[in-house]
PDB file of N, CA and C in Angstrom:
ATOM      1  N   MET A   1       1.329  -0.765   0.081  1.00  0.00           N
ATOM      2  CA  MET A   1       0.447   0.342   0.364  1.00  0.00           C
ATOM      3  C   MET A   1       0.478   1.391  -0.308  1.00  0.00           C
ATOM      4  N   VAL A   2       1.858   1.358   0.206  1.00  0.00           N
ATOM      5  CA  VAL A   2       2.639   2.990   0.672  1.00  0.00           C
ATOM      6  C   VAL A   2       3.836   2.941  -0.670  1.00  0.00           C
ATOM      7  N   SER A   3       4.094   1.352  -1.472  1.00  0.00           N
ATOM      8  CA  SER A   3       4.698   1.798  -2.260  1.00  0.00           C
ATOM      9  C   SER A   3       3.940   1.987  -2.933  1.00  0.00           C
ATOM     10  N   GLY A   4       2.468   1.590  -3.525  1.00  0.00           N
ATOM     11  CA  GLY A   4       1.240   2.141  -4.085  1.00  0.00           C
ATOM     12  C   GLY A   4       1.434   3.685  -4.090  1.00  0.00           C
ATOM     13  N   ILE A   5       1.455   4.648  -2.913  1.00  0.00           N
ATOM     14  CA  ILE A   5       0.925   5.643  -3.115  1.00  0.00           C
ATOM     15  C   ILE A   5       2.087   6.518  -3.204  1.00  0.00           C
ATOM     16  N   PHE A   6       3.554   6.312  -2.364  1.00  0.00           N
ATOM     17  CA  PHE A   6       4.339   6.859  -3.695  1.00  0.00           C
ATOM     18  C   PHE A   6       4.587   6.001  -5.171  1.00  0.00           C
ATOM     19  N   TRP A   7       4.239   4.670  -6.030  1.00  0.00           N
ATOM     20  CA  TRP A   7       3.606   5.253  -7.062  1.00  0.00           C
ATOM     21  C   TRP A   7       2.491   5.583  -8.098  1.00  0.00           C
ATOM     22  N   ILE A   8       2.472   6.537  -7.124  1.00  0.00           N
ATOM     23  CA  ILE A   8       0.691   7.554  -8.018  1.00  0.00           C
ATOM     24  C   ILE A   8       1.035   8.322  -7.357  1.00  0.00           C
ATOM     25  N   ILE A   9       2.055   8.185  -6.401  1.00  0.00           N
ATOM     26  CA  ILE A   9       2.763  10.140  -6.869  1.00  0.00           C
ATOM     27  C   ILE A   9       4.030  10.631  -7.618  1.00  0.00           C
ATOM     28  N   ASP A  10       4.790   9.617  -7.860  1.00  0.00           N
ATOM     29  CA  ASP A  10       5.341   9.803  -9.517  1.00  0.00           C
ATOM     30  C   ASP A  10       5.990   8.055  -9.675  1.00  0.00           C
ATOM     31  N   PRO A  11       5.596   8.124 -11.187  1.00  0.00           N
ATOM     32  CA  PRO A  11       5.888   5.769 -10.938  1.00  0.00           C
ATOM     33  C   PRO A  11       6.929   6.381 -12.120  1.00  0.00           C
ATOM     34  N   GLU A  12       7.388   6.912 -12.237  1.00  0.00           N
ATOM     35  CA  GLU A  12       8.180   7.436 -13.728  1.00  0.00           C
ATOM     36  C   GLU A  12       9.719   6.846 -12.201  1.00  0.00           C
ATOM     37  N   MET A  13       9.513   7.822 -10.985  1.00  0.00           N
ATOM     38  CA  MET A  13      10.735   7.272  -9.489  1.00  0.00           C
ATOM     39  C   MET A  13      11.501   6.449  -9.445  1.00  0.00           C
ATOM     40  N   TYR A  14       9.392   5.836  -8.954  1.00  0.00           N
ATOM     41  CA  TYR A  14       8.966   4.392  -7.690  1.00  0.00           C
ATOM     42  C   TYR A  14       8.216   3.073  -8.882  1.00  0.00           C
ATOM     43  N   ILE A  15       8.959   2.216  -8.320  1.00  0.00           N
ATOM     44  CA  ILE A  15       8.538   0.860  -9.363  1.00  0.00           C
ATOM     45  C   ILE A  15       7.048   0.546  -8.779  1.00  0.00           C
ATOM     46  N   ASN A  16       6.899   0.238  -9.724  1.00  0.00           N
ATOM     47  CA  ASN A  16       5.726  -1.036 -10.009  1.00  0.00           C
ATOM     48  C   ASN A  16       5.139  -0.986  -7.692  1.00  0.00           C
ATOM     49  N   PRO A  17       4.560  -1.272  -6.948  1.00  0.00           N
ATOM     50  CA  PRO A  17       4.520  -1.760  -6.005  1.00  0.00           C
ATOM     51  C   PRO A  17       3.427  -3.641  -6.328  1.00  0.00           C
ATOM     52  N   LEU A  18       4.377  -4.423  -7.793  1.00  0.00           N
ATOM     53  CA  LEU A  18       3.179  -5.465  -6.933  1.00  0.00           C
ATOM     54  C   LEU A  18       4.862  -6.251  -7.796  1.00  0.00           C
ATOM     55  N   ILE A  19       5.774  -5.322  -8.427  1.00  0.00           N
ATOM     56  CA  ILE A  19       7.267  -5.453  -8.970  1.00  0.00           C
ATOM     57  C   ILE A  19       7.883  -5.979  -7.160  1.00  0.00           C
ATOM     58  N   HIS A  20       6.783  -4.174  -6.407  1.00  0.00           N
ATOM     59  CA  HIS A  20       7.670  -5.179  -4.524  1.00  0.00           C
ATOM     60  C   HIS A  20       6.869  -6.084  -3.976  1.00  0.00           C
ATOM     61  N   MET A  21       5.661  -6.793  -4.120  1.00  0.00           N
ATOM     62  CA  MET A  21       5.205  -8.077  -3.886  1.00  0.00           C
ATOM     63  C   MET A  21       5.755  -8.775  -4.598  1.00  0.00           C
ATOM     64  N   PHE A  22       5.697  -9.442  -5.869  1.00  0.00           N
ATOM     65  CA  PHE A  22       6.078 -10.059  -5.938  1.00  0.00           C
ATOM     66  C   PHE A  22       7.684 -10.375  -6.460  1.00  0.00           C
ATOM     67  N   THR A  23       8.661  -9.859  -6.470  1.00  0.00           N
ATOM     68  CA  THR A  23      10.056 -10.147  -6.036  1.00  0.00           C
ATOM     69  C   THR A  23      11.003 -10.140  -4.484  1.00  0.00           C
ATOM     70  N   GLY A  24      12.598 -10.328  -4.783  1.00  0.00           N
ATOM     71  CA  GLY A  24      12.425 -11.108  -3.249  1.00  0.00           C
ATOM     72  C   GLY A  24      12.285 -12.466  -2.635  1.00  0.00           C
ATOM     73  N   GLY A  25      12.162 -12.459  -0.394  1.00  0.00           N
ATOM     74  CA  GLY A  25      12.422 -12.825  -0.013  1.00  0.00           C
ATOM     75  C   GLY A  25      10.012 -12.219   0.360  1.00  0.00           C
ATOM     76  N   LEU A  26       9.913 -11.487  -0.502  1.00  0.00           N
ATOM     77  CA  LEU A  26       8.224 -11.116   0.625  1.00  0.00           C
ATOM     78  C   LEU A  26       7.567 -12.040   0.954  1.00  0.00           C
ATOM     79  N   MET A  27       7.628 -12.615  -0.151  1.00  0.00           N
ATOM     80  CA  MET A  27       6.141 -13.876  -0.149  1.00  0.00           C
ATOM     81  C   MET A  27       6.821 -14.575   0.745  1.00  0.00           C
ATOM     82  N   LEU A  28       8.182 -15.662   1.140  1.00  0.00           N
ATOM     83  CA  LEU A  28       7.419 -15.622   1.771  1.00  0.00           C
ATOM     84  C   LEU A  28       7.990 -15.230   3.172  1.00  0.00           C
ATOM     85  N   GLY A  29       8.327 -14.112   3.485  1.00  0.00           N
ATOM     86  CA  GLY A  29       8.622 -13.982   4.652  1.00  0.00           C
ATOM     87  C   GLY A  29       7.124 -13.540   5.494  1.00  0.00           C
ATOM     88  N   ALA A  30       6.171 -12.831   4.239  1.00  0.00           N
ATOM     89  CA  ALA A  30       5.180 -12.770   4.501  1.00  0.00           C
ATOM     90  C   ALA A  30       3.970 -14.207   5.468  1.00  0.00           C
ATOM     91  N   ILE A  31       4.592 -14.722   3.934  1.00  0.00           N
ATOM     92  CA  ILE A  31       3.621 -16.819   4.795  1.00  0.00           C
ATOM     93  C   ILE A  31       4.275 -17.092   5.719  1.00  0.00           C
ATOM     94  N   PHE A  32       5.448 -17.465   5.592  1.00  0.00           N
ATOM     95  CA  PHE A  32       5.941 -18.356   6.143  1.00  0.00           C
ATOM     96  C   PHE A  32       6.407 -17.649   7.304  1.00  0.00           C
ATOM     97  N   MET A  33       7.471 -16.864   6.987  1.00  0.00           N
ATOM     98  CA  MET A  33       8.211 -16.149   9.008  1.00  0.00           C
ATOM     99  C   MET A  33       7.047 -14.969   9.869  1.00  0.00           C
ATOM    100  N   ALA A  34       6.822 -13.980   9.462  1.00  0.00           N
ATOM    101  CA  ALA A  34       5.963 -13.468   9.925  1.00  0.00           C
ATOM    102  C   ALA A  34       4.659 -13.911  10.730  1.00  0.00           C
ATOM    103  N   THR A  35       4.014 -15.088  10.219  1.00  0.00           N
ATOM    104  CA  THR A  35       2.645 -15.703  10.934  1.00  0.00           C
ATOM    105  C   THR A  35       3.935 -16.396  11.740  1.00  0.00           C
ATOM    106  N   ASP A  36       4.903 -16.836  12.327  1.00  0.00           N
ATOM    107  CA  ASP A  36       4.990 -17.155  12.846  1.00  0.00           C
ATOM    108  C   ASP A  36       4.515 -17.530  14.745  1.00  0.00           C
ATOM    109  N   MET A  37       2.957 -17.746  14.774  1.00  0.00           N
ATOM    110  CA  MET A  37       3.191 -17.777  16.195  1.00  0.00           C
ATOM    111  C   MET A  37       3.447 -17.567  17.391  1.00  0.00           C
ATOM    112  N   VAL A  38       5.018 -17.961  17.979  1.00  0.00           N
ATOM    113  CA  VAL A  38       5.455 -18.111  19.108  1.00  0.00           C
ATOM    114  C   VAL A  38       5.763 -16.284  18.827  1.00  0.00           C
ATOM    115  N   THR A  39       6.720 -15.331  17.987  1.00  0.00           N
ATOM    116  CA  THR A  39       6.886 -13.877  18.206  1.00  0.00           C
ATOM    117  C   THR A  39       5.365 -13.010  17.179  1.00  0.00           C
ATOM    118  N   SER A  40       3.946 -13.625  16.404  1.00  0.00           N
ATOM    119  CA  SER A  40       3.454 -12.657  16.447  1.00  0.00           C
ATOM    120  C   SER A  40       2.729 -12.182  17.250  1.00  0.00           C
ATOM    121  N   PRO A  41       1.868 -10.943  17.742  1.00  0.00           N
ATOM    122  CA  PRO A  41       1.165 -10.926  19.169  1.00  0.00           C
ATOM    123  C   PRO A  41      -0.276 -12.325  18.600  1.00  0.00           C
ATOM    124  N   MET A  42      -0.753 -11.815  20.425  1.00  0.00           N
ATOM    125  CA  MET A  42      -1.239 -11.980  21.087  1.00  0.00           C
ATOM    126  C   MET A  42      -3.571 -12.020  19.880  1.00  0.00           C
ATOM    127  N   THR A  43      -3.025 -10.392  20.718  1.00  0.00           N
ATOM    128  CA  THR A  43      -4.504  -9.930  19.769  1.00  0.00           C
ATOM    129  C   THR A  43      -4.765  -9.199  18.344  1.00  0.00           C
ATOM    130  N   GLY A  44      -6.185  -9.307  18.031  1.00  0.00           N
ATOM    131  CA  GLY A  44      -6.348  -8.841  16.272  1.00  0.00           C
ATOM    132  C   GLY A  44      -5.534  -7.621  16.328  1.00  0.00           C
ATOM    133  N   LYS A  45      -5.864  -6.734  16.963  1.00  0.00           N
ATOM    134  CA  LYS A  45      -5.446  -4.623  16.648  1.00  0.00           C
ATOM    135  C   LYS A  45      -3.826  -4.687  17.034  1.00  0.00           C
ATOM    136  N   GLY A  46      -3.274  -5.989  17.916  1.00  0.00           N
ATOM    137  CA  GLY A  46      -2.394  -5.680  18.031  1.00  0.00           C
ATOM    138  C   GLY A  46      -1.146  -6.168  16.360  1.00  0.00           C
ATOM    139  N   GLN A  47      -1.979  -8.309  16.431  1.00  0.00           N
ATOM    140  CA  GLN A  47      -1.665  -8.749  14.616  1.00  0.00           C
ATOM    141  C   GLN A  47      -1.277  -7.565  13.735  1.00  0.00           C
ATOM    142  N   LEU A  48      -2.773  -6.222  13.074  1.00  0.00           N
ATOM    143  CA  LEU A  48      -3.166  -5.431  12.802  1.00  0.00           C
ATOM    144  C   LEU A  48      -1.358  -4.405  12.379  1.00  0.00           C
ATOM    145  N   ILE A  49      -1.206  -4.460  13.996  1.00  0.00           N
ATOM    146  CA  ILE A  49       0.209  -2.802  13.996  1.00  0.00           C
ATOM    147  C   ILE A  49       1.523  -3.245  13.712  1.00  0.00           C
ATOM    148  N   TYR A  50       0.933  -4.988  13.685  1.00  0.00           N
ATOM    149  CA  TYR A  50       2.495  -6.144  14.076  1.00  0.00           C
ATOM    150  C   TYR A  50       2.606  -5.775  12.048  1.00  0.00           C
ATOM    151  N   GLY A  51       1.659  -6.425  11.623  1.00  0.00           N
ATOM    152  CA  GLY A  51       1.614  -6.550  10.116  1.00  0.00           C
ATOM    153  C   GLY A  51       1.958  -4.886   8.945  1.00  0.00           C
ATOM    154  N   VAL A  52       0.662  -3.789   9.428  1.00  0.00           N
ATOM    155  CA  VAL A  52       1.168  -2.555   9.596  1.00  0.00           C
ATOM    156  C   VAL A  52       2.830  -1.922   9.216  1.00  0.00           C
ATOM    157  N   GLY A  53       3.676  -1.739  10.825  1.00  0.00           N
ATOM    158  CA  GLY A  53       4.397  -2.253  10.626  1.00  0.00           C
ATOM    159  C   GLY A  53       5.850  -2.851  10.016  1.00  0.00           C
ATOM    160  N   ILE A  54       5.705  -3.980   9.080  1.00  0.00           N
ATOM    161  CA  ILE A  54       6.530  -4.909   8.986  1.00  0.00           C
ATOM    162  C   ILE A  54       6.337  -3.925   7.662  1.00  0.00           C
ATOM    163  N   GLY A  55       4.808  -3.398   7.036  1.00  0.00           N
ATOM    164  CA  GLY A  55       5.304  -3.661   5.693  1.00  0.00           C
ATOM    165  C   GLY A  55       6.071  -1.994   5.772  1.00  0.00           C
ATOM    166  N   LEU A  56       5.398  -1.141   6.631  1.00  0.00           N
ATOM    167  CA  LEU A  56       5.599   0.240   6.255  1.00  0.00           C
ATOM    168  C   LEU A  56       7.773   0.134   6.943  1.00  0.00           C
ATOM    169  N   ILE A  57       7.972  -1.020   6.906  1.00  0.00           N
ATOM    170  CA  ILE A  57       9.976  -1.173   7.516  1.00  0.00           C
ATOM    171  C   ILE A  57       9.941  -1.636   6.620  1.00  0.00           C
ATOM    172  N   THR A  58       9.971  -2.637   5.831  1.00  0.00           N
ATOM    173  CA  THR A  58      10.004  -3.616   4.431  1.00  0.00           C
ATOM    174  C   THR A  58       9.719  -2.091   3.278  1.00  0.00           C
ATOM    175  N   VAL A  59       9.382  -1.378   3.857  1.00  0.00           N
ATOM    176  CA  VAL A  59       9.597  -0.910   2.133  1.00  0.00           C
ATOM    177  C   VAL A  59      10.936   0.115   2.403  1.00  0.00           C
ATOM    178  N   SER A  60      10.457   1.082   3.159  1.00  0.00           N
ATOM    179  CA  SER A  60      11.863   2.112   3.331  1.00  0.00           C
ATOM    180  C   SER A  60      12.948   1.843   3.672  1.00  0.00           C
ATOM    181  N   ILE A  61      12.610   0.109   3.770  1.00  0.00           N
ATOM    182  CA  ILE A  61      14.819  -0.195   3.473  1.00  0.00           C
ATOM    183  C   ILE A  61      14.214  -0.403   1.836  1.00  0.00           C
ATOM    184  N   ARG A  62      13.785  -1.027   1.775  1.00  0.00           N
ATOM    185  CA  ARG A  62      13.361  -0.644   0.028  1.00  0.00           C
ATOM    186  C   ARG A  62      13.618   0.024  -0.739  1.00  0.00           C
ATOM    187  N   MET A  63      12.823   1.047  -0.621  1.00  0.00           N
ATOM    188  CA  MET A  63      12.875   2.668  -1.472  1.00  0.00           C
ATOM    189  C   MET A  63      14.652   3.510  -0.922  1.00  0.00           C
ATOM    190  N   PHE A  64      14.641   3.634   0.487  1.00  0.00           N
ATOM    191  CA  PHE A  64      15.496   4.814   0.989  1.00  0.00           C
ATOM    192  C   PHE A  64      16.494   4.322   1.377  1.00  0.00           C
ATOM    193  N   GLY A  65      16.978   3.100   1.491  1.00  0.00           N
ATOM    194  CA  GLY A  65      17.823   2.010   2.194  1.00  0.00           C
ATOM    195  C   GLY A  65      18.743   1.185   0.775  1.00  0.00           C
ATOM    196  N   ALA A  66      20.151   0.995   1.223  1.00  0.00           N
ATOM    197  CA  ALA A  66      20.562   1.016   0.759  1.00  0.00           C
ATOM    198  C   ALA A  66      21.192  -0.952   0.118  1.00  0.00           C
ATOM    199  N   TYR A  67      19.806  -1.679   0.644  1.00  0.00           N
ATOM    200  CA  TYR A  67      19.326  -2.816   0.738  1.00  0.00           C
ATOM    201  C   TYR A  67      18.241  -3.029   0.182  1.00  0.00           C
ATOM    202  N   PRO A  68      19.298  -3.978  -1.519  1.00  0.00           N
ATOM    203  CA  PRO A  68      17.506  -4.115  -1.911  1.00  0.00           C
ATOM    204  C   PRO A  68      16.364  -4.771  -1.592  1.00  0.00           C
ATOM    205  N   GLU A  69      16.338  -5.913   0.083  1.00  0.00           N
ATOM    206  CA  GLU A  69      15.788  -6.794   0.683  1.00  0.00           C
ATOM    207  C   GLU A  69      15.038  -6.424   1.929  1.00  0.00           C
ATOM    208  N   GLY A  70      14.040  -5.585   2.357  1.00  0.00           N
ATOM    209  CA  GLY A  70      13.970  -5.414   3.885  1.00  0.00           C
ATOM    210  C   GLY A  70      13.348  -6.261   4.316  1.00  0.00           C
ATOM    211  N   ILE A  71      12.620  -7.470   4.361  1.00  0.00           N
ATOM    212  CA  ILE A  71      11.319  -8.133   4.337  1.00  0.00           C
ATOM    213  C   ILE A  71      12.147  -8.961   6.658  1.00  0.00           C
ATOM    214  N   SER A  72      13.199  -9.025   5.856  1.00  0.00           N
ATOM    215  CA  SER A  72      13.690  -9.736   6.983  1.00  0.00           C
ATOM    216  C   SER A  72      14.029  -8.916   7.691  1.00  0.00           C
ATOM    217  N   PHE A  73      14.670  -7.885   7.934  1.00  0.00           N
ATOM    218  CA  PHE A  73      14.957  -6.905   9.045  1.00  0.00           C
ATOM    219  C   PHE A  73      13.286  -6.764   9.700  1.00  0.00           C
ATOM    220  N   ALA A  74      12.338  -5.681   8.741  1.00  0.00           N
ATOM    221  CA  ALA A  74      11.231  -5.786   9.223  1.00  0.00           C
ATOM    222  C   ALA A  74      10.727  -6.760  10.225  1.00  0.00           C
ATOM    223  N   ILE A  75      10.517  -7.784   9.682  1.00  0.00           N
ATOM    224  CA  ILE A  75      10.086  -9.007  10.668  1.00  0.00           C
ATOM    225  C   ILE A  75      11.181  -9.203  11.878  1.00  0.00           C
ATOM    226  N   LEU A  76      11.980  -8.775  12.039  1.00  0.00           N
ATOM    227  CA  LEU A  76      13.465  -9.251  12.879  1.00  0.00           C
ATOM    228  C   LEU A  76      13.161  -7.991  13.813  1.00  0.00           C
ATOM    229  N   ILE A  77      12.750  -6.256  13.628  1.00  0.00           N
ATOM    230  CA  ILE A  77      12.881  -5.470  14.175  1.00  0.00           C
ATOM    231  C   ILE A  77      11.200  -5.655  14.395  1.00  0.00           C
ATOM    232  N   MET A  78       9.580  -5.699  13.841  1.00  0.00           N
ATOM    233  CA  MET A  78       8.507  -5.805  14.531  1.00  0.00           C
ATOM    234  C   MET A  78       8.585  -6.868  15.222  1.00  0.00           C
ATOM    235  N   ASN A  79       8.720  -8.211  15.163  1.00  0.00           N
ATOM    236  CA  ASN A  79       9.362  -9.581  16.368  1.00  0.00           C
ATOM    237  C   ASN A  79      10.120  -8.989  17.802  1.00  0.00           C
ATOM    238  N   ALA A  80      10.629  -8.355  17.532  1.00  0.00           N
ATOM    239  CA  ALA A  80      11.377  -6.809  18.885  1.00  0.00           C
ATOM    240  C   ALA A  80       9.890  -6.347  19.689  1.00  0.00           C
ATOM    241  N   VAL A  81       9.426  -5.838  18.787  1.00  0.00           N
ATOM    242  CA  VAL A  81       8.143  -4.461  19.719  1.00  0.00           C
ATOM    243  C   VAL A  81       6.898  -5.419  19.235  1.00  0.00           C
ATOM    244  N   THR A  82       7.597  -7.113  19.743  1.00  0.00           N
ATOM    245  CA  THR A  82       6.275  -7.915  20.106  1.00  0.00           C
ATOM    246  C   THR A  82       5.578  -7.732  21.412  1.00  0.00           C
ATOM    247  N   PRO A  83       6.818  -7.574  22.334  1.00  0.00           N
ATOM    248  CA  PRO A  83       6.028  -7.754  23.880  1.00  0.00           C
ATOM    249  C   PRO A  83       5.765  -6.496  24.235  1.00  0.00           C
ATOM    250  N   LEU A  84       6.475  -5.485  23.538  1.00  0.00           N
ATOM    251  CA  LEU A  84       5.143  -4.399  23.978  1.00  0.00           C
ATOM    252  C   LEU A  84       4.258  -4.155  23.636  1.00  0.00           C
ATOM    253  N   LEU A  85       3.906  -4.757  22.182  1.00  0.00           N
ATOM    254  CA  LEU A  85       2.374  -5.091  21.574  1.00  0.00           C
ATOM    255  C   LEU A  85       1.730  -6.038  22.478  1.00  0.00           C
ATOM    256  N   ASN A  86       2.215  -7.266  23.512  1.00  0.00           N
ATOM    257  CA  ASN A  86       1.892  -8.490  23.346  1.00  0.00           C
ATOM    258  C   ASN A  86       1.384  -7.342  25.074  1.00  0.00           C
ATOM    259  N   MET A  87       2.420  -5.863  25.130  1.00  0.00           N
ATOM    260  CA  MET A  87       2.472  -5.513  26.813  1.00  0.00           C
ATOM    261  C   MET A  87       0.731  -4.101  26.945  1.00  0.00           C
ATOM    262  N   TYR A  88       0.879  -3.651  26.257  1.00  0.00           N
ATOM    263  CA  TYR A  88       0.052  -2.683  25.029  1.00  0.00           C
ATOM    264  C   TYR A  88      -1.544  -2.833  25.734  1.00  0.00           C
ATOM    265  N   ILE A  89      -1.210  -3.445  24.667  1.00  0.00           N
ATOM    266  CA  ILE A  89      -2.775  -3.718  24.144  1.00  0.00           C
ATOM    267  C   ILE A  89      -3.309  -5.470  24.252  1.00  0.00           C
ATOM    268  N   LYS A  90      -3.677  -5.148  25.984  1.00  0.00           N
ATOM    269  CA  LYS A  90      -4.238  -6.447  25.618  1.00  0.00           C
ATOM    270  C   LYS A  90      -5.839  -6.607  25.345  1.00  0.00           C
ATOM    271  N   PRO A  91      -5.777  -8.115  25.538  1.00  0.00           N
ATOM    272  CA  PRO A  91      -7.270  -7.867  25.448  1.00  0.00           C
ATOM    273  C   PRO A  91      -8.521  -7.806  26.970  1.00  0.00           C
ATOM    274  N   LYS A  92      -9.813  -8.138  26.187  1.00  0.00           N
ATOM    275  CA  LYS A  92     -11.297  -7.587  27.898  1.00  0.00           C
ATOM    276  C   LYS A  92     -10.761  -9.215  28.599  1.00  0.00           C
ATOM    277  N   ARG A  93     -11.112  -8.789  29.734  1.00  0.00           N
ATOM    278  CA  ARG A  93     -10.608 -10.113  30.655  1.00  0.00           C
ATOM    279  C   ARG A  93     -12.528 -11.027  30.763  1.00  0.00           C
ATOM    280  N   PHE A  94     -12.417 -12.007  31.016  1.00  0.00           N
ATOM    281  CA  PHE A  94     -13.186 -12.905  30.621  1.00  0.00           C
ATOM    282  C   PHE A  94     -14.484 -12.925  31.821  1.00  0.00           C
ATOM    283  N   GLY A  95     -15.621 -11.661  31.500  1.00  0.00           N
ATOM    284  CA  GLY A  95     -16.181 -11.813  32.487  1.00  0.00           C
ATOM    285  C   GLY A  95     -15.674 -10.186  33.632  1.00  0.00           C
ATOM    286  N   GLY A  96     -14.715  -9.223  33.034  1.00  0.00           N
ATOM    287  CA  GLY A  96     -14.179  -8.469  33.002  1.00  0.00           C
ATOM    288  C   GLY A  96     -14.906  -6.955  32.720  1.00  0.00           C
ATOM    289  N   LYS A  97     -15.183  -5.269  33.032  1.00  0.00           N
ATOM    290  CA  LYS A  97     -15.678  -5.289  32.577  1.00  0.00           C
ATOM    291  C   LYS A  97     -14.716  -3.180  32.396  1.00  0.00           C
TER     292      LYS A  97
END
């Protein structure tokens, strides 16, 4: 989505978002590595923040960094943030108000 926004703004400078999606290890990382149950957040809201964070970091590393593949670093960074997401975004206790 972020790469699509950049591509809409200036298609000559930024590459097509489909190229971002289907090149490199993005699909492998998104399907197998990012969905690991041990290192992903427990709540739905935390999982949404986790996924958006991985996407933003991946696109920023690919577009503005010197490294062509950013999915592995994005997953590692968001795995480090997961305990904070689990601590601050807790589900409502059963029977609690």
